[in-house]
N, C-alpha and C. Protein backbone atom coordinates (compact mmCIF):
# COMPACT_ATOMS: atom_id res chain seq x y z
N UNK A 1 -13.90 203.30 238.06
CA UNK A 1 -13.06 204.48 238.02
C UNK A 1 -11.71 204.13 238.64
N UNK A 2 -10.65 204.53 238.00
CA UNK A 2 -9.30 204.26 238.47
C UNK A 2 -8.68 205.54 239.01
N UNK A 3 -7.86 205.38 239.99
CA UNK A 3 -7.07 206.49 240.52
C UNK A 3 -5.63 206.24 240.11
N UNK A 4 -4.81 207.27 240.15
CA UNK A 4 -3.42 207.12 239.78
C UNK A 4 -2.53 207.45 240.95
N UNK A 5 -1.46 206.68 241.06
CA UNK A 5 -0.51 206.91 242.14
C UNK A 5 0.87 206.93 241.51
N UNK A 6 1.72 207.84 241.99
CA UNK A 6 3.09 207.90 241.48
C UNK A 6 3.82 206.61 241.79
N UNK A 7 4.64 206.19 240.84
CA UNK A 7 5.48 205.03 241.08
C UNK A 7 6.50 205.38 242.16
N UNK A 8 7.15 204.42 242.69
CA UNK A 8 8.06 204.61 243.84
C UNK A 8 9.18 205.59 243.51
N UNK A 9 8.82 206.86 243.40
CA UNK A 9 9.81 207.91 243.18
C UNK A 9 10.36 207.96 241.77
N UNK A 10 9.79 207.17 240.86
CA UNK A 10 10.31 207.12 239.49
C UNK A 10 9.65 208.14 238.58
N UNK A 11 8.60 208.80 239.08
CA UNK A 11 7.93 209.79 238.25
C UNK A 11 6.87 209.19 237.37
N UNK A 12 6.83 207.86 237.23
CA UNK A 12 5.77 207.26 236.44
C UNK A 12 4.56 207.01 237.33
N UNK A 13 3.44 206.77 236.73
CA UNK A 13 2.22 206.56 237.51
C UNK A 13 1.61 205.24 237.13
N UNK A 14 0.91 204.64 238.07
CA UNK A 14 0.22 203.39 237.78
C UNK A 14 -1.24 203.55 238.16
N UNK A 15 -2.10 202.89 237.41
CA UNK A 15 -3.52 202.93 237.72
C UNK A 15 -3.80 201.94 238.84
N UNK A 16 -4.56 202.38 239.80
CA UNK A 16 -4.94 201.50 240.91
C UNK A 16 -6.43 201.65 241.15
N UNK A 17 -7.02 200.59 241.69
CA UNK A 17 -8.42 200.69 242.07
C UNK A 17 -8.51 201.62 243.27
N UNK A 18 -9.52 202.49 243.28
CA UNK A 18 -9.65 203.40 244.42
C UNK A 18 -9.99 202.62 245.68
N UNK A 19 -9.66 203.17 246.84
CA UNK A 19 -10.02 202.49 248.07
C UNK A 19 -11.53 202.42 248.20
N UNK A 20 -12.00 201.50 248.98
CA UNK A 20 -13.43 201.36 249.17
C UNK A 20 -14.00 202.62 249.78
N UNK A 21 -15.29 202.77 249.67
CA UNK A 21 -15.94 203.97 250.18
C UNK A 21 -15.69 204.15 251.67
N UNK A 22 -15.75 203.07 252.42
CA UNK A 22 -15.57 203.22 253.86
C UNK A 22 -14.22 202.70 254.34
N UNK A 23 -13.60 201.83 253.58
CA UNK A 23 -12.34 201.24 254.01
C UNK A 23 -12.53 200.17 255.05
N UNK A 24 -13.78 199.82 255.34
CA UNK A 24 -14.06 198.90 256.43
C UNK A 24 -14.98 197.75 256.02
N UNK A 25 -14.94 197.31 254.76
CA UNK A 25 -15.79 196.21 254.34
C UNK A 25 -15.53 194.99 255.20
N UNK A 26 -16.58 194.38 255.66
CA UNK A 26 -16.46 193.17 256.44
C UNK A 26 -16.01 193.38 257.86
N UNK A 27 -15.80 194.63 258.25
CA UNK A 27 -15.33 194.92 259.61
C UNK A 27 -16.53 195.18 260.49
N UNK A 28 -16.65 194.46 261.57
CA UNK A 28 -17.76 194.65 262.50
C UNK A 28 -17.37 195.73 263.50
N UNK A 29 -17.89 196.94 263.29
CA UNK A 29 -17.53 198.08 264.13
C UNK A 29 -17.97 197.91 265.57
N UNK A 30 -18.99 197.06 265.80
CA UNK A 30 -19.51 196.90 267.16
C UNK A 30 -18.58 196.07 268.04
N UNK A 31 -17.70 195.27 267.45
CA UNK A 31 -16.79 194.44 268.24
C UNK A 31 -15.77 195.27 269.00
N UNK A 32 -15.14 196.21 268.36
CA UNK A 32 -14.14 197.06 269.00
C UNK A 32 -14.19 198.44 268.37
N UNK A 33 -15.06 199.31 268.91
CA UNK A 33 -15.20 200.65 268.31
C UNK A 33 -13.89 201.41 268.26
N UNK A 34 -13.01 201.22 269.23
CA UNK A 34 -11.74 201.95 269.25
C UNK A 34 -10.84 201.53 268.09
N UNK A 35 -10.96 200.28 267.63
CA UNK A 35 -10.12 199.81 266.53
C UNK A 35 -10.43 200.57 265.24
N UNK A 36 -11.69 200.86 265.00
CA UNK A 36 -12.05 201.60 263.79
C UNK A 36 -11.48 203.01 263.82
N UNK A 37 -11.34 203.59 265.00
CA UNK A 37 -10.76 204.94 265.09
C UNK A 37 -9.33 204.95 264.59
N UNK A 38 -8.62 203.84 264.75
CA UNK A 38 -7.23 203.77 264.27
C UNK A 38 -7.15 203.78 262.75
N UNK A 39 -8.28 203.52 262.08
CA UNK A 39 -8.29 203.52 260.63
C UNK A 39 -8.57 204.90 260.04
N UNK A 40 -8.89 205.86 260.90
CA UNK A 40 -9.12 207.22 260.42
C UNK A 40 -7.78 207.90 260.14
N UNK A 41 -7.78 208.77 259.14
CA UNK A 41 -6.58 209.56 258.87
C UNK A 41 -6.40 210.57 260.00
N UNK A 42 -5.25 211.21 260.02
CA UNK A 42 -4.98 212.22 261.05
C UNK A 42 -6.04 213.31 261.03
N UNK A 43 -6.36 213.84 259.85
CA UNK A 43 -7.36 214.91 259.73
C UNK A 43 -8.75 214.41 260.11
N UNK A 44 -9.08 213.18 259.73
CA UNK A 44 -10.37 212.62 260.10
C UNK A 44 -10.47 212.47 261.62
N UNK A 45 -9.39 212.06 262.25
CA UNK A 45 -9.39 211.91 263.70
C UNK A 45 -9.52 213.28 264.39
N UNK A 46 -8.84 214.29 263.85
CA UNK A 46 -8.98 215.64 264.39
C UNK A 46 -10.43 216.11 264.25
N UNK A 47 -11.01 215.84 263.09
CA UNK A 47 -12.40 216.21 262.84
C UNK A 47 -13.33 215.47 263.80
N UNK A 48 -13.09 214.17 263.97
CA UNK A 48 -13.87 213.36 264.91
C UNK A 48 -13.86 214.00 266.29
N UNK A 49 -12.68 214.34 266.77
CA UNK A 49 -12.54 214.94 268.10
C UNK A 49 -13.30 216.26 268.20
N UNK A 50 -13.20 217.08 267.18
CA UNK A 50 -13.88 218.38 267.21
C UNK A 50 -15.40 218.21 267.16
N UNK A 51 -15.90 217.28 266.35
CA UNK A 51 -17.34 217.03 266.27
C UNK A 51 -17.85 216.51 267.61
N UNK A 52 -17.13 215.56 268.18
CA UNK A 52 -17.52 214.98 269.46
C UNK A 52 -17.56 216.05 270.55
N UNK A 53 -16.71 217.05 270.44
CA UNK A 53 -16.67 218.13 271.42
C UNK A 53 -17.58 219.30 271.05
N UNK A 54 -18.52 219.05 270.13
CA UNK A 54 -19.58 220.01 269.84
C UNK A 54 -19.27 221.11 268.86
N UNK A 55 -18.17 220.99 268.12
CA UNK A 55 -17.82 222.04 267.16
C UNK A 55 -18.65 221.92 265.88
N UNK A 56 -19.03 223.04 265.32
CA UNK A 56 -19.75 223.08 264.05
C UNK A 56 -18.75 222.94 262.90
N UNK A 57 -19.28 222.72 261.71
CA UNK A 57 -18.41 222.61 260.54
C UNK A 57 -17.63 223.90 260.34
N UNK A 58 -18.27 225.04 260.55
CA UNK A 58 -17.58 226.33 260.42
C UNK A 58 -16.42 226.43 261.42
N UNK A 59 -16.68 226.03 262.67
CA UNK A 59 -15.63 226.08 263.69
C UNK A 59 -14.51 225.10 263.37
N UNK A 60 -14.86 223.92 262.87
CA UNK A 60 -13.85 222.93 262.49
C UNK A 60 -12.95 223.50 261.41
N UNK A 61 -13.56 224.16 260.42
CA UNK A 61 -12.76 224.72 259.33
C UNK A 61 -11.80 225.79 259.85
N UNK A 62 -12.24 226.58 260.81
CA UNK A 62 -11.38 227.62 261.39
C UNK A 62 -10.24 227.00 262.19
N UNK A 63 -10.56 226.03 263.05
CA UNK A 63 -9.54 225.40 263.89
C UNK A 63 -8.49 224.69 263.05
N UNK A 64 -8.93 223.99 262.00
CA UNK A 64 -8.00 223.22 261.17
C UNK A 64 -7.38 224.04 260.03
N UNK A 65 -7.88 225.25 259.83
CA UNK A 65 -7.34 226.10 258.78
C UNK A 65 -7.66 225.59 257.38
N UNK A 66 -8.89 225.07 257.22
CA UNK A 66 -9.32 224.52 255.93
C UNK A 66 -10.66 225.15 255.56
N UNK A 67 -11.10 224.94 254.33
CA UNK A 67 -12.39 225.50 253.91
C UNK A 67 -13.54 224.75 254.57
N UNK A 68 -14.70 225.39 254.61
CA UNK A 68 -15.89 224.73 255.15
C UNK A 68 -16.22 223.47 254.36
N UNK A 69 -16.05 223.57 253.05
CA UNK A 69 -16.33 222.42 252.19
C UNK A 69 -15.43 221.23 252.56
N UNK A 70 -14.15 221.49 252.77
CA UNK A 70 -13.22 220.43 253.15
C UNK A 70 -13.56 219.88 254.53
N UNK A 71 -13.89 220.76 255.47
CA UNK A 71 -14.28 220.31 256.80
C UNK A 71 -15.52 219.43 256.72
N UNK A 72 -16.48 219.81 255.91
CA UNK A 72 -17.69 219.00 255.74
C UNK A 72 -17.35 217.65 255.11
N UNK A 73 -16.41 217.66 254.17
CA UNK A 73 -15.96 216.40 253.55
C UNK A 73 -15.37 215.47 254.61
N UNK A 74 -14.49 215.98 255.47
CA UNK A 74 -13.90 215.15 256.53
C UNK A 74 -14.97 214.62 257.48
N UNK A 75 -15.92 215.47 257.82
CA UNK A 75 -17.00 215.07 258.71
C UNK A 75 -17.79 213.91 258.08
N UNK A 76 -18.15 214.04 256.81
CA UNK A 76 -18.90 212.98 256.13
C UNK A 76 -18.09 211.69 256.04
N UNK A 77 -16.79 211.79 255.79
CA UNK A 77 -15.94 210.59 255.72
C UNK A 77 -15.88 209.88 257.08
N UNK A 78 -15.79 210.65 258.15
CA UNK A 78 -15.78 210.05 259.49
C UNK A 78 -17.09 209.32 259.73
N UNK A 79 -18.21 209.96 259.44
CA UNK A 79 -19.51 209.32 259.63
C UNK A 79 -19.58 208.02 258.83
N UNK A 80 -19.12 208.09 257.60
CA UNK A 80 -19.16 206.93 256.70
C UNK A 80 -18.28 205.80 257.22
N UNK A 81 -17.05 206.12 257.58
CA UNK A 81 -16.12 205.09 258.04
C UNK A 81 -16.57 204.43 259.34
N UNK A 82 -17.21 205.22 260.20
CA UNK A 82 -17.63 204.68 261.49
C UNK A 82 -19.06 204.12 261.45
N UNK A 83 -19.74 204.34 260.34
CA UNK A 83 -21.10 203.81 260.20
C UNK A 83 -22.10 204.49 261.10
N UNK A 84 -21.96 205.81 261.26
CA UNK A 84 -22.87 206.56 262.12
C UNK A 84 -23.57 207.64 261.30
N UNK A 85 -24.65 208.16 261.88
CA UNK A 85 -25.36 209.26 261.24
C UNK A 85 -25.51 210.39 262.24
N UNK A 86 -25.01 211.55 261.90
CA UNK A 86 -25.21 212.73 262.71
C UNK A 86 -24.36 212.79 263.97
N UNK A 87 -24.50 213.92 264.64
CA UNK A 87 -23.71 214.21 265.82
C UNK A 87 -24.02 213.23 266.96
N UNK A 88 -25.30 212.94 267.16
CA UNK A 88 -25.66 212.02 268.24
C UNK A 88 -25.00 210.66 268.01
N UNK A 89 -25.03 210.18 266.77
CA UNK A 89 -24.42 208.89 266.45
C UNK A 89 -22.93 208.89 266.71
N UNK A 90 -22.26 209.97 266.36
CA UNK A 90 -20.81 210.01 266.53
C UNK A 90 -20.44 210.14 268.01
N UNK A 91 -21.25 210.86 268.78
CA UNK A 91 -20.98 210.98 270.22
C UNK A 91 -21.20 209.63 270.91
N UNK A 92 -22.25 208.93 270.52
CA UNK A 92 -22.49 207.59 271.09
C UNK A 92 -21.34 206.65 270.73
N UNK A 93 -20.84 206.76 269.50
CA UNK A 93 -19.71 205.93 269.07
C UNK A 93 -18.48 206.25 269.92
N UNK A 94 -18.24 207.53 270.12
CA UNK A 94 -17.08 207.95 270.93
C UNK A 94 -17.18 207.41 272.35
N UNK A 95 -18.37 207.41 272.91
CA UNK A 95 -18.55 206.89 274.27
C UNK A 95 -18.25 205.39 274.30
N UNK A 96 -18.73 204.64 273.31
CA UNK A 96 -18.46 203.20 273.25
C UNK A 96 -16.98 202.92 273.07
N UNK A 97 -16.29 203.82 272.39
CA UNK A 97 -14.86 203.63 272.12
C UNK A 97 -13.99 204.09 273.30
N UNK A 98 -14.62 204.63 274.34
CA UNK A 98 -13.85 205.08 275.51
C UNK A 98 -13.17 206.42 275.30
N UNK A 99 -13.71 207.24 274.42
CA UNK A 99 -13.09 208.51 274.07
C UNK A 99 -13.16 209.52 275.22
N UNK A 100 -14.17 209.39 276.10
CA UNK A 100 -14.39 210.35 277.17
C UNK A 100 -13.78 209.87 278.46
N UNK A 101 -13.23 210.80 279.20
CA UNK A 101 -12.76 210.55 280.56
C UNK A 101 -13.43 211.62 281.41
N UNK A 102 -14.49 211.25 282.09
CA UNK A 102 -15.32 212.25 282.79
C UNK A 102 -14.69 212.79 284.05
N UNK A 103 -13.90 212.01 284.75
CA UNK A 103 -13.32 212.48 285.98
C UNK A 103 -14.30 212.48 287.14
N UNK A 104 -15.45 211.86 286.95
CA UNK A 104 -16.43 211.78 288.02
C UNK A 104 -16.11 210.57 288.90
N UNK A 105 -16.29 210.75 290.17
CA UNK A 105 -16.06 209.64 291.09
C UNK A 105 -17.39 209.18 291.65
N UNK A 106 -17.49 207.90 291.92
CA UNK A 106 -18.69 207.38 292.56
C UNK A 106 -18.75 207.95 293.96
N UNK A 107 -19.96 208.22 294.45
CA UNK A 107 -20.06 208.74 295.80
C UNK A 107 -19.55 207.70 296.80
N UNK A 108 -18.95 208.20 297.87
CA UNK A 108 -18.44 207.27 298.88
C UNK A 108 -19.61 206.61 299.59
N UNK A 109 -19.34 205.51 300.24
CA UNK A 109 -20.39 204.78 300.95
C UNK A 109 -21.04 205.70 302.02
N UNK A 110 -20.20 206.50 302.68
CA UNK A 110 -20.72 207.39 303.72
C UNK A 110 -21.68 208.41 303.11
N UNK A 111 -21.33 208.98 301.94
CA UNK A 111 -22.21 209.95 301.29
C UNK A 111 -23.52 209.31 300.90
N UNK A 112 -23.47 208.08 300.47
CA UNK A 112 -24.68 207.40 299.99
C UNK A 112 -25.62 207.04 301.14
N UNK A 113 -25.06 206.77 302.33
CA UNK A 113 -25.90 206.33 303.44
C UNK A 113 -26.25 207.44 304.42
N UNK A 114 -25.51 208.54 304.40
CA UNK A 114 -25.75 209.64 305.36
C UNK A 114 -26.15 210.90 304.61
N UNK A 115 -27.33 210.90 304.11
CA UNK A 115 -27.80 212.07 303.38
C UNK A 115 -28.44 213.06 304.34
N UNK A 116 -28.22 214.32 304.07
CA UNK A 116 -28.87 215.36 304.88
C UNK A 116 -30.35 215.39 304.54
N UNK A 117 -31.16 215.53 305.54
CA UNK A 117 -32.61 215.55 305.32
C UNK A 117 -33.11 216.94 305.33
């Protein structure tokens, strides 16, 4: 199947091979999970962030101002591009990519050794 793209502003179109299903053939996602995130489109990255933060497809569609069908499409593309399945998979991927900043501090040495009994 061929896709068509407008010529460089000339109004003509040329047939091109469609991009790969994932856009990541031969790319080892486990080497640098954050690098694969840079390959997501702006909308896919927004969707990724919303899914990771627990939003449903309905909520994603509302936040982004798109239909549920389109939100579901973006969600599936993100899963496909990152090679994950489901919310748990995408959250684990986000953690490996350093997406979270918890703000938790390790207990001080004094807290660890002087516990109230």
